[in-house]
Amino acid sequence: APALLRSLRPAASVGVLHVVRPIHTSQQ
């Protein structure tokens, strides 16, 4: 598994989207 993950890391890192979600999603 670690070798497979290392081989997929560059391809996976290209399409990764970092989504930042706020802590409070509802109105106060």
mmCIF file of all heavy atoms, coordinates in Angstrom:
data_MODEL
# 
_entry.id   MODEL 
# 
loop_
_atom_site.group_PDB 
_atom_site.id 
_atom_site.type_symbol 
_atom_site.label_atom_id 
_atom_site.label_alt_id 
_atom_site.label_comp_id 
_atom_site.label_asym_id 
_atom_site.label_entity_id 
_atom_site.label_seq_id 
_atom_site.pdbx_PDB_ins_code 
_atom_site.Cartn_x 
_atom_site.Cartn_y 
_atom_site.Cartn_z 
_atom_site.occupancy 
_atom_site.B_iso_or_equiv 
_atom_site.pdbx_formal_charge 
_atom_site.auth_seq_id 
_atom_site.auth_comp_id 
_atom_site.auth_asym_id 
_atom_site.auth_atom_id 
_atom_site.pdbx_PDB_model_num 
ATOM 1   N N   . ALA A 1 1  ? 0.808   -1.221 0.000   1.00 0.00 ? 1  ALA A N   1 
ATOM 2   C CA  . ALA A 1 1  ? 0.000   0.000  0.000   1.00 0.00 ? 1  ALA A CA  1 
ATOM 3   C C   . ALA A 1 1  ? 0.839   1.269  0.000   1.00 0.00 ? 1  ALA A C   1 
ATOM 4   O O   . ALA A 1 1  ? 0.551   2.207  -0.746  1.00 0.00 ? 1  ALA A O   1 
ATOM 5   C CB  . ALA A 1 1  ? -0.953  -0.014 1.186   1.00 0.00 ? 1  ALA A CB  1 
ATOM 6   N N   . PRO A 1 2  ? 1.943   1.389  0.810   1.00 0.00 ? 2  PRO A N   1 
ATOM 7   C CA  . PRO A 1 2  ? 2.713   2.652  0.761   1.00 0.00 ? 2  PRO A CA  1 
ATOM 8   C C   . PRO A 1 2  ? 3.318   2.937  -0.596  1.00 0.00 ? 2  PRO A C   1 
ATOM 9   O O   . PRO A 1 2  ? 3.327   4.090  -1.043  1.00 0.00 ? 2  PRO A O   1 
ATOM 10  C CB  . PRO A 1 2  ? 3.789   2.432  1.829   1.00 0.00 ? 2  PRO A CB  1 
ATOM 11  C CG  . PRO A 1 2  ? 3.207   1.439  2.752   1.00 0.00 ? 2  PRO A CG  1 
ATOM 12  C CD  . PRO A 1 2  ? 2.400   0.518  1.886   1.00 0.00 ? 2  PRO A CD  1 
ATOM 13  N N   . ALA A 1 3  ? 3.833   1.902  -1.276  1.00 0.00 ? 3  ALA A N   1 
ATOM 14  C CA  . ALA A 1 3  ? 4.395   2.122  -2.605  1.00 0.00 ? 3  ALA A CA  1 
ATOM 15  C C   . ALA A 1 3  ? 3.346   2.590  -3.592  1.00 0.00 ? 3  ALA A C   1 
ATOM 16  O O   . ALA A 1 3  ? 3.584   3.470  -4.429  1.00 0.00 ? 3  ALA A O   1 
ATOM 17  C CB  . ALA A 1 3  ? 5.053   0.828  -3.105  1.00 0.00 ? 3  ALA A CB  1 
ATOM 18  N N   . LEU A 1 4  ? 2.142   2.008  -3.503  1.00 0.00 ? 4  LEU A N   1 
ATOM 19  C CA  . LEU A 1 4  ? 1.065   2.430  -4.393  1.00 0.00 ? 4  LEU A CA  1 
ATOM 20  C C   . LEU A 1 4  ? 0.652   3.877  -4.129  1.00 0.00 ? 4  LEU A C   1 
ATOM 21  O O   . LEU A 1 4  ? 0.401   4.656  -5.051  1.00 0.00 ? 4  LEU A O   1 
ATOM 22  C CB  . LEU A 1 4  ? -0.131  1.490  -4.209  1.00 0.00 ? 4  LEU A CB  1 
ATOM 23  C CG  . LEU A 1 4  ? -1.360  1.760  -5.094  1.00 0.00 ? 4  LEU A CG  1 
ATOM 24  C CD1 . LEU A 1 4  ? -0.981  1.636  -6.568  1.00 0.00 ? 4  LEU A CD1 1 
ATOM 25  C CD2 . LEU A 1 4  ? -2.489  0.789  -4.752  1.00 0.00 ? 4  LEU A CD2 1 
ATOM 26  N N   . LEU A 1 5  ? 0.628   4.247  -2.866  1.00 0.00 ? 5  LEU A N   1 
ATOM 27  C CA  . LEU A 1 5  ? 0.279   5.628  -2.535  1.00 0.00 ? 5  LEU A CA  1 
ATOM 28  C C   . LEU A 1 5  ? 1.324   6.617  -3.014  1.00 0.00 ? 5  LEU A C   1 
ATOM 29  O O   . LEU A 1 5  ? 1.012   7.715  -3.479  1.00 0.00 ? 5  LEU A O   1 
ATOM 30  C CB  . LEU A 1 5  ? 0.069   5.780  -1.015  1.00 0.00 ? 5  LEU A CB  1 
ATOM 31  C CG  . LEU A 1 5  ? -1.174  5.061  -0.445  1.00 0.00 ? 5  LEU A CG  1 
ATOM 32  C CD1 . LEU A 1 5  ? -1.195  5.171  1.062   1.00 0.00 ? 5  LEU A CD1 1 
ATOM 33  C CD2 . LEU A 1 5  ? -2.451  5.619  -1.054  1.00 0.00 ? 5  LEU A CD2 1 
ATOM 34  N N   . ARG A 1 6  ? 2.621   6.227  -2.908  1.00 0.00 ? 6  ARG A N   1 
ATOM 35  C CA  . ARG A 1 6  ? 3.678   7.123  -3.400  1.00 0.00 ? 6  ARG A CA  1 
ATOM 36  C C   . ARG A 1 6  ? 3.599   7.303  -4.907  1.00 0.00 ? 6  ARG A C   1 
ATOM 37  O O   . ARG A 1 6  ? 3.872   8.372  -5.430  1.00 0.00 ? 6  ARG A O   1 
ATOM 38  C CB  . ARG A 1 6  ? 5.050   6.567  -2.991  1.00 0.00 ? 6  ARG A CB  1 
ATOM 39  C CG  . ARG A 1 6  ? 5.393   6.807  -1.527  1.00 0.00 ? 6  ARG A CG  1 
ATOM 40  C CD  . ARG A 1 6  ? 6.876   6.570  -1.286  1.00 0.00 ? 6  ARG A CD  1 
ATOM 41  N NE  . ARG A 1 6  ? 7.244   5.187  -1.558  1.00 0.00 ? 6  ARG A NE  1 
ATOM 42  C CZ  . ARG A 1 6  ? 7.212   4.212  -0.648  1.00 0.00 ? 6  ARG A CZ  1 
ATOM 43  N NH1 . ARG A 1 6  ? 6.799   4.473  0.592   1.00 0.00 ? 6  ARG A NH1 1 
ATOM 44  N NH2 . ARG A 1 6  ? 7.567   2.985  -0.967  1.00 0.00 ? 6  ARG A NH2 1 
ATOM 45  N N   . SER A 1 7  ? 3.202   6.224  -5.604  1.00 0.00 ? 7  SER A N   1 
ATOM 46  C CA  . SER A 1 7  ? 3.080   6.340  -7.056  1.00 0.00 ? 7  SER A CA  1 
ATOM 47  C C   . SER A 1 7  ? 1.905   7.200  -7.473  1.00 0.00 ? 7  SER A C   1 
ATOM 48  O O   . SER A 1 7  ? 1.910   7.834  -8.520  1.00 0.00 ? 7  SER A O   1 
ATOM 49  C CB  . SER A 1 7  ? 2.949   4.938  -7.692  1.00 0.00 ? 7  SER A CB  1 
ATOM 50  O OG  . SER A 1 7  ? 1.747   4.323  -7.228  1.00 0.00 ? 7  SER A OG  1 
ATOM 51  N N   . LEU A 1 8  ? 0.862   7.237  -6.666  1.00 0.00 ? 8  LEU A N   1 
ATOM 52  C CA  . LEU A 1 8  ? -0.332  8.032  -6.997  1.00 0.00 ? 8  LEU A CA  1 
ATOM 53  C C   . LEU A 1 8  ? -0.305  9.437  -6.430  1.00 0.00 ? 8  LEU A C   1 
ATOM 54  O O   . LEU A 1 8  ? -1.160  10.239 -6.753  1.00 0.00 ? 8  LEU A O   1 
ATOM 55  C CB  . LEU A 1 8  ? -1.580  7.307  -6.477  1.00 0.00 ? 8  LEU A CB  1 
ATOM 56  C CG  . LEU A 1 8  ? -1.908  5.953  -7.141  1.00 0.00 ? 8  LEU A CG  1 
ATOM 57  C CD1 . LEU A 1 8  ? -3.105  5.329  -6.450  1.00 0.00 ? 8  LEU A CD1 1 
ATOM 58  C CD2 . LEU A 1 8  ? -2.152  6.114  -8.634  1.00 0.00 ? 8  LEU A CD2 1 
ATOM 59  N N   . ARG A 1 9  ? 0.713   9.753  -5.632  1.00 0.00 ? 9  ARG A N   1 
ATOM 60  C CA  . ARG A 1 9  ? 0.704   11.058 -4.963  1.00 0.00 ? 9  ARG A CA  1 
ATOM 61  C C   . ARG A 1 9  ? 0.778   12.230 -5.920  1.00 0.00 ? 9  ARG A C   1 
ATOM 62  O O   . ARG A 1 9  ? 0.004   13.185 -5.792  1.00 0.00 ? 9  ARG A O   1 
ATOM 63  C CB  . ARG A 1 9  ? 1.824   11.119 -3.927  1.00 0.00 ? 9  ARG A CB  1 
ATOM 64  C CG  . ARG A 1 9  ? 1.809   12.394 -3.080  1.00 0.00 ? 9  ARG A CG  1 
ATOM 65  C CD  . ARG A 1 9  ? 2.882   12.309 -2.028  1.00 0.00 ? 9  ARG A CD  1 
ATOM 66  N NE  . ARG A 1 9  ? 2.615   11.186 -1.131  1.00 0.00 ? 9  ARG A NE  1 
ATOM 67  C CZ  . ARG A 1 9  ? 3.499   10.772 -0.222  1.00 0.00 ? 9  ARG A CZ  1 
ATOM 68  N NH1 . ARG A 1 9  ? 4.685   11.357 -0.113  1.00 0.00 ? 9  ARG A NH1 1 
ATOM 69  N NH2 . ARG A 1 9  ? 3.206   9.764  0.572   1.00 0.00 ? 9  ARG A NH2 1 
ATOM 70  N N   . PRO A 1 10 ? 1.671   12.285 -6.946  1.00 0.00 ? 10 PRO A N   1 
ATOM 71  C CA  . PRO A 1 10 ? 1.704   13.462 -7.830  1.00 0.00 ? 10 PRO A CA  1 
ATOM 72  C C   . PRO A 1 10 ? 0.428   13.671 -8.591  1.00 0.00 ? 10 PRO A C   1 
ATOM 73  O O   . PRO A 1 10 ? -0.052  14.790 -8.720  1.00 0.00 ? 10 PRO A O   1 
ATOM 74  C CB  . PRO A 1 10 ? 2.885   13.162 -8.751  1.00 0.00 ? 10 PRO A CB  1 
ATOM 75  C CG  . PRO A 1 10 ? 3.720   12.202 -7.999  1.00 0.00 ? 10 PRO A CG  1 
ATOM 76  C CD  . PRO A 1 10 ? 2.776   11.349 -7.242  1.00 0.00 ? 10 PRO A CD  1 
ATOM 77  N N   . ALA A 1 11 ? -0.142  12.558 -9.111  1.00 0.00 ? 11 ALA A N   1 
ATOM 78  C CA  . ALA A 1 11 ? -1.385  12.715 -9.867  1.00 0.00 ? 11 ALA A CA  1 
ATOM 79  C C   . ALA A 1 11 ? -2.522  13.177 -8.982  1.00 0.00 ? 11 ALA A C   1 
ATOM 80  O O   . ALA A 1 11 ? -3.390  13.941 -9.381  1.00 0.00 ? 11 ALA A O   1 
ATOM 81  C CB  . ALA A 1 11 ? -1.748  11.399 -10.555 1.00 0.00 ? 11 ALA A CB  1 
ATOM 82  N N   . ALA A 1 12 ? -2.511  12.659 -7.760  1.00 0.00 ? 12 ALA A N   1 
ATOM 83  C CA  . ALA A 1 12 ? -3.604  13.038 -6.859  1.00 0.00 ? 12 ALA A CA  1 
ATOM 84  C C   . ALA A 1 12 ? -3.473  14.460 -6.371  1.00 0.00 ? 12 ALA A C   1 
ATOM 85  O O   . ALA A 1 12 ? -4.459  15.141 -6.149  1.00 0.00 ? 12 ALA A O   1 
ATOM 86  C CB  . ALA A 1 12 ? -3.649  12.086 -5.668  1.00 0.00 ? 12 ALA A CB  1 
ATOM 87  N N   . SER A 1 13 ? -2.197  14.917 -6.248  1.00 0.00 ? 13 SER A N   1 
ATOM 88  C CA  . SER A 1 13 ? -2.015  16.265 -5.732  1.00 0.00 ? 13 SER A CA  1 
ATOM 89  C C   . SER A 1 13 ? -2.377  17.330 -6.736  1.00 0.00 ? 13 SER A C   1 
ATOM 90  O O   . SER A 1 13 ? -2.632  18.468 -6.382  1.00 0.00 ? 13 SER A O   1 
ATOM 91  C CB  . SER A 1 13 ? -0.545  16.453 -5.302  1.00 0.00 ? 13 SER A CB  1 
ATOM 92  O OG  . SER A 1 13 ? 0.299   16.299 -6.430  1.00 0.00 ? 13 SER A OG  1 
ATOM 93  N N   . VAL A 1 14 ? -2.401  16.930 -8.065  1.00 0.00 ? 14 VAL A N   1 
ATOM 94  C CA  . VAL A 1 14 ? -2.745  17.934 -9.065  1.00 0.00 ? 14 VAL A CA  1 
ATOM 95  C C   . VAL A 1 14 ? -4.221  18.299 -8.988  1.00 0.00 ? 14 VAL A C   1 
ATOM 96  O O   . VAL A 1 14 ? -4.603  19.446 -9.134  1.00 0.00 ? 14 VAL A O   1 
ATOM 97  C CB  . VAL A 1 14 ? -2.379  17.396 -10.475 1.00 0.00 ? 14 VAL A CB  1 
ATOM 98  C CG1 . VAL A 1 14 ? -2.854  18.374 -11.543 1.00 0.00 ? 14 VAL A CG1 1 
ATOM 99  C CG2 . VAL A 1 14 ? -0.887  17.184 -10.570 1.00 0.00 ? 14 VAL A CG2 1 
ATOM 100 N N   . GLY A 1 15 ? -5.051  17.295 -8.770  1.00 0.00 ? 15 GLY A N   1 
ATOM 101 C CA  . GLY A 1 15 ? -6.497  17.554 -8.782  1.00 0.00 ? 15 GLY A CA  1 
ATOM 102 C C   . GLY A 1 15 ? -7.109  17.788 -7.426  1.00 0.00 ? 15 GLY A C   1 
ATOM 103 O O   . GLY A 1 15 ? -8.338  17.813 -7.309  1.00 0.00 ? 15 GLY A O   1 
ATOM 104 N N   . VAL A 1 16 ? -6.292  17.911 -6.376  1.00 0.00 ? 16 VAL A N   1 
ATOM 105 C CA  . VAL A 1 16 ? -6.843  18.107 -5.037  1.00 0.00 ? 16 VAL A CA  1 
ATOM 106 C C   . VAL A 1 16 ? -7.286  19.548 -4.875  1.00 0.00 ? 16 VAL A C   1 
ATOM 107 O O   . VAL A 1 16 ? -6.570  20.479 -5.233  1.00 0.00 ? 16 VAL A O   1 
ATOM 108 C CB  . VAL A 1 16 ? -5.803  17.733 -3.962  1.00 0.00 ? 16 VAL A CB  1 
ATOM 109 C CG1 . VAL A 1 16 ? -6.338  18.128 -2.582  1.00 0.00 ? 16 VAL A CG1 1 
ATOM 110 C CG2 . VAL A 1 16 ? -5.539  16.243 -4.023  1.00 0.00 ? 16 VAL A CG2 1 
ATOM 111 N N   . LEU A 1 17 ? -8.466  19.732 -4.371  1.00 0.00 ? 17 LEU A N   1 
ATOM 112 C CA  . LEU A 1 17 ? -8.998  21.058 -4.084  1.00 0.00 ? 17 LEU A CA  1 
ATOM 113 C C   . LEU A 1 17 ? -9.122  21.208 -2.571  1.00 0.00 ? 17 LEU A C   1 
ATOM 114 O O   . LEU A 1 17 ? -9.766  20.387 -1.916  1.00 0.00 ? 17 LEU A O   1 
ATOM 115 C CB  . LEU A 1 17 ? -10.368 21.259 -4.745  1.00 0.00 ? 17 LEU A CB  1 
ATOM 116 C CG  . LEU A 1 17 ? -10.374 21.241 -6.286  1.00 0.00 ? 17 LEU A CG  1 
ATOM 117 C CD1 . LEU A 1 17 ? -11.808 21.355 -6.778  1.00 0.00 ? 17 LEU A CD1 1 
ATOM 118 C CD2 . LEU A 1 17 ? -9.522  22.351 -6.833  1.00 0.00 ? 17 LEU A CD2 1 
ATOM 119 N N   . HIS A 1 18 ? -8.483  22.210 -2.073  1.00 0.00 ? 18 HIS A N   1 
ATOM 120 C CA  . HIS A 1 18 ? -8.547  22.466 -0.635  1.00 0.00 ? 18 HIS A CA  1 
ATOM 121 C C   . HIS A 1 18 ? -9.756  23.350 -0.359  1.00 0.00 ? 18 HIS A C   1 
ATOM 122 O O   . HIS A 1 18 ? -9.782  24.518 -0.755  1.00 0.00 ? 18 HIS A O   1 
ATOM 123 C CB  . HIS A 1 18 ? -7.266  23.156 -0.149  1.00 0.00 ? 18 HIS A CB  1 
ATOM 124 C CG  . HIS A 1 18 ? -6.050  22.303 -0.350  1.00 0.00 ? 18 HIS A CG  1 
ATOM 125 N ND1 . HIS A 1 18 ? -5.714  21.269 0.487   1.00 0.00 ? 18 HIS A ND1 1 
ATOM 126 C CD2 . HIS A 1 18 ? -5.104  22.326 -1.336  1.00 0.00 ? 18 HIS A CD2 1 
ATOM 127 C CE1 . HIS A 1 18 ? -4.606  20.702 0.077   1.00 0.00 ? 18 HIS A CE1 1 
ATOM 128 N NE2 . HIS A 1 18 ? -4.219  21.314 -1.044  1.00 0.00 ? 18 HIS A NE2 1 
ATOM 129 N N   . VAL A 1 19 ? -10.715 22.776 0.262   1.00 0.00 ? 19 VAL A N   1 
ATOM 130 C CA  . VAL A 1 19 ? -11.955 23.493 0.574   1.00 0.00 ? 19 VAL A CA  1 
ATOM 131 C C   . VAL A 1 19 ? -11.949 23.845 2.055   1.00 0.00 ? 19 VAL A C   1 
ATOM 132 O O   . VAL A 1 19 ? -11.794 22.967 2.907   1.00 0.00 ? 19 VAL A O   1 
ATOM 133 C CB  . VAL A 1 19 ? -13.194 22.633 0.240   1.00 0.00 ? 19 VAL A CB  1 
ATOM 134 C CG1 . VAL A 1 19 ? -14.468 23.391 0.596   1.00 0.00 ? 19 VAL A CG1 1 
ATOM 135 C CG2 . VAL A 1 19 ? -13.173 22.250 -1.228  1.00 0.00 ? 19 VAL A CG2 1 
ATOM 136 N N   . VAL A 1 20 ? -12.054 25.105 2.306   1.00 0.00 ? 20 VAL A N   1 
ATOM 137 C CA  . VAL A 1 20 ? -12.085 25.587 3.689   1.00 0.00 ? 20 VAL A CA  1 
ATOM 138 C C   . VAL A 1 20 ? -13.532 25.858 4.064   1.00 0.00 ? 20 VAL A C   1 
ATOM 139 O O   . VAL A 1 20 ? -14.196 26.688 3.450   1.00 0.00 ? 20 VAL A O   1 
ATOM 140 C CB  . VAL A 1 20 ? -11.234 26.862 3.857   1.00 0.00 ? 20 VAL A CB  1 
ATOM 141 C CG1 . VAL A 1 20 ? -11.309 27.344 5.290   1.00 0.00 ? 20 VAL A CG1 1 
ATOM 142 C CG2 . VAL A 1 20 ? -9.798  26.583 3.432   1.00 0.00 ? 20 VAL A CG2 1 
ATOM 143 N N   . ARG A 1 21 ? -13.994 25.125 5.030   1.00 0.00 ? 21 ARG A N   1 
ATOM 144 C CA  . ARG A 1 21 ? -15.368 25.292 5.492   1.00 0.00 ? 21 ARG A CA  1 
ATOM 145 C C   . ARG A 1 21 ? -15.379 26.060 6.813   1.00 0.00 ? 21 ARG A C   1 
ATOM 146 O O   . ARG A 1 21 ? -14.565 25.797 7.677   1.00 0.00 ? 21 ARG A O   1 
ATOM 147 C CB  . ARG A 1 21 ? -16.045 23.927 5.681   1.00 0.00 ? 21 ARG A CB  1 
ATOM 148 C CG  . ARG A 1 21 ? -16.219 23.164 4.371   1.00 0.00 ? 21 ARG A CG  1 
ATOM 149 C CD  . ARG A 1 21 ? -16.956 21.860 4.629   1.00 0.00 ? 21 ARG A CD  1 
ATOM 150 N NE  . ARG A 1 21 ? -17.139 21.135 3.375   1.00 0.00 ? 21 ARG A NE  1 
ATOM 151 C CZ  . ARG A 1 21 ? -17.762 19.950 3.305   1.00 0.00 ? 21 ARG A CZ  1 
ATOM 152 N NH1 . ARG A 1 21 ? -18.247 19.385 4.418   1.00 0.00 ? 21 ARG A NH1 1 
ATOM 153 N NH2 . ARG A 1 21 ? -17.894 19.351 2.147   1.00 0.00 ? 21 ARG A NH2 1 
ATOM 154 N N   . PRO A 1 22 ? -16.274 26.979 6.911   1.00 0.00 ? 22 PRO A N   1 
ATOM 155 C CA  . PRO A 1 22 ? -16.351 27.685 8.205   1.00 0.00 ? 22 PRO A CA  1 
ATOM 156 C C   . PRO A 1 22 ? -16.861 26.767 9.290   1.00 0.00 ? 22 PRO A C   1 
ATOM 157 O O   . PRO A 1 22 ? -17.544 25.773 9.036   1.00 0.00 ? 22 PRO A O   1 
ATOM 158 C CB  . PRO A 1 22 ? -17.343 28.826 7.925   1.00 0.00 ? 22 PRO A CB  1 
ATOM 159 C CG  . PRO A 1 22 ? -18.190 28.332 6.798   1.00 0.00 ? 22 PRO A CG  1 
ATOM 160 C CD  . PRO A 1 22 ? -17.272 27.466 5.951   1.00 0.00 ? 22 PRO A CD  1 
ATOM 161 N N   . ILE A 1 23 ? -16.488 27.118 10.513  1.00 0.00 ? 23 ILE A N   1 
ATOM 162 C CA  . ILE A 1 23 ? -16.915 26.300 11.649  1.00 0.00 ? 23 ILE A CA  1 
ATOM 163 C C   . ILE A 1 23 ? -18.426 26.436 11.862  1.00 0.00 ? 23 ILE A C   1 
ATOM 164 O O   . ILE A 1 23 ? -19.127 25.444 12.037  1.00 0.00 ? 23 ILE A O   1 
ATOM 165 C CB  . ILE A 1 23 ? -16.150 26.716 12.914  1.00 0.00 ? 23 ILE A CB  1 
ATOM 166 C CG1 . ILE A 1 23 ? -14.654 26.427 12.708  1.00 0.00 ? 23 ILE A CG1 1 
ATOM 167 C CG2 . ILE A 1 23 ? -16.660 25.957 14.130  1.00 0.00 ? 23 ILE A CG2 1 
ATOM 168 C CD1 . ILE A 1 23 ? -13.793 26.901 13.849  1.00 0.00 ? 23 ILE A CD1 1 
ATOM 169 N N   . HIS A 1 24 ? -18.920 27.687 11.802  1.00 0.00 ? 24 HIS A N   1 
ATOM 170 C CA  . HIS A 1 24 ? -20.347 27.922 11.998  1.00 0.00 ? 24 HIS A CA  1 
ATOM 171 C C   . HIS A 1 24 ? -21.003 28.016 10.625  1.00 0.00 ? 24 HIS A C   1 
ATOM 172 O O   . HIS A 1 24 ? -20.853 29.009 9.917   1.00 0.00 ? 24 HIS A O   1 
ATOM 173 C CB  . HIS A 1 24 ? -20.585 29.210 12.783  1.00 0.00 ? 24 HIS A CB  1 
ATOM 174 C CG  . HIS A 1 24 ? -19.955 29.179 14.149  1.00 0.00 ? 24 HIS A CG  1 
ATOM 175 N ND1 . HIS A 1 24 ? -20.489 28.461 15.196  1.00 0.00 ? 24 HIS A ND1 1 
ATOM 176 C CD2 . HIS A 1 24 ? -18.827 29.760 14.620  1.00 0.00 ? 24 HIS A CD2 1 
ATOM 177 C CE1 . HIS A 1 24 ? -19.728 28.608 16.262  1.00 0.00 ? 24 HIS A CE1 1 
ATOM 178 N NE2 . HIS A 1 24 ? -18.716 29.388 15.933  1.00 0.00 ? 24 HIS A NE2 1 
ATOM 179 N N   . THR A 1 25 ? -21.694 26.962 10.224  1.00 0.00 ? 25 THR A N   1 
ATOM 180 C CA  . THR A 1 25 ? -22.354 26.958 8.919   1.00 0.00 ? 25 THR A CA  1 
ATOM 181 C C   . THR A 1 25 ? -23.751 27.544 8.970   1.00 0.00 ? 25 THR A C   1 
ATOM 182 O O   . THR A 1 25 ? -24.316 27.868 7.934   1.00 0.00 ? 25 THR A O   1 
ATOM 183 C CB  . THR A 1 25 ? -22.432 25.516 8.385   1.00 0.00 ? 25 THR A CB  1 
ATOM 184 O OG1 . THR A 1 25 ? -23.134 24.712 9.343   1.00 0.00 ? 25 THR A OG1 1 
ATOM 185 C CG2 . THR A 1 25 ? -21.042 24.949 8.162   1.00 0.00 ? 25 THR A CG2 1 
ATOM 186 N N   . SER A 1 26 ? -24.317 27.664 10.149  1.00 0.00 ? 26 SER A N   1 
ATOM 187 C CA  . SER A 1 26 ? -25.667 28.210 10.282  1.00 0.00 ? 26 SER A CA  1 
ATOM 188 C C   . SER A 1 26 ? -25.598 29.607 10.883  1.00 0.00 ? 26 SER A C   1 
ATOM 189 O O   . SER A 1 26 ? -24.607 30.007 11.472  1.00 0.00 ? 26 SER A O   1 
ATOM 190 C CB  . SER A 1 26 ? -26.531 27.304 11.166  1.00 0.00 ? 26 SER A CB  1 
ATOM 191 O OG  . SER A 1 26 ? -25.986 27.221 12.469  1.00 0.00 ? 26 SER A OG  1 
ATOM 192 N N   . GLN A 1 27 ? -26.680 30.342 10.700  1.00 0.00 ? 27 GLN A N   1 
ATOM 193 C CA  . GLN A 1 27 ? -26.739 31.697 11.234  1.00 0.00 ? 27 GLN A CA  1 
ATOM 194 C C   . GLN A 1 27 ? -26.864 31.648 12.756  1.00 0.00 ? 27 GLN A C   1 
ATOM 195 O O   . GLN A 1 27 ? -27.476 30.746 13.323  1.00 0.00 ? 27 GLN A O   1 
ATOM 196 C CB  . GLN A 1 27 ? -27.930 32.442 10.645  1.00 0.00 ? 27 GLN A CB  1 
ATOM 197 C CG  . GLN A 1 27 ? -27.821 32.657 9.135   1.00 0.00 ? 27 GLN A CG  1 
ATOM 198 C CD  . GLN A 1 27 ? -29.015 33.406 8.606   1.00 0.00 ? 27 GLN A CD  1 
ATOM 199 O OE1 . GLN A 1 27 ? -29.949 33.691 9.345   1.00 0.00 ? 27 GLN A OE1 1 
ATOM 200 N NE2 . GLN A 1 27 ? -28.976 33.731 7.324   1.00 0.00 ? 27 GLN A NE2 1 
ATOM 201 N N   . GLN A 1 28 ? -26.249 32.644 13.370  1.00 0.00 ? 28 GLN A N   1 
ATOM 202 C CA  . GLN A 1 28 ? -26.310 32.734 14.817  1.00 0.00 ? 28 GLN A CA  1 
ATOM 203 C C   . GLN A 1 28 ? -27.712 33.179 15.230  1.00 0.00 ? 28 GLN A C   1 
ATOM 204 O O   . GLN A 1 28 ? -28.261 34.142 14.704  1.00 0.00 ? 28 GLN A O   1 
ATOM 205 C CB  . GLN A 1 28 ? -25.268 33.721 15.332  1.00 0.00 ? 28 GLN A CB  1 
ATOM 206 C CG  . GLN A 1 28 ? -23.846 33.282 15.050  1.00 0.00 ? 28 GLN A CG  1 
ATOM 207 C CD  . GLN A 1 28 ? -23.475 32.038 15.824  1.00 0.00 ? 28 GLN A CD  1 
ATOM 208 O OE1 . GLN A 1 28 ? -23.930 31.864 16.943  1.00 0.00 ? 28 GLN A OE1 1 
ATOM 209 N NE2 . GLN A 1 28 ? -22.673 31.179 15.220  1.00 0.00 ? 28 GLN A NE2 1 
# 
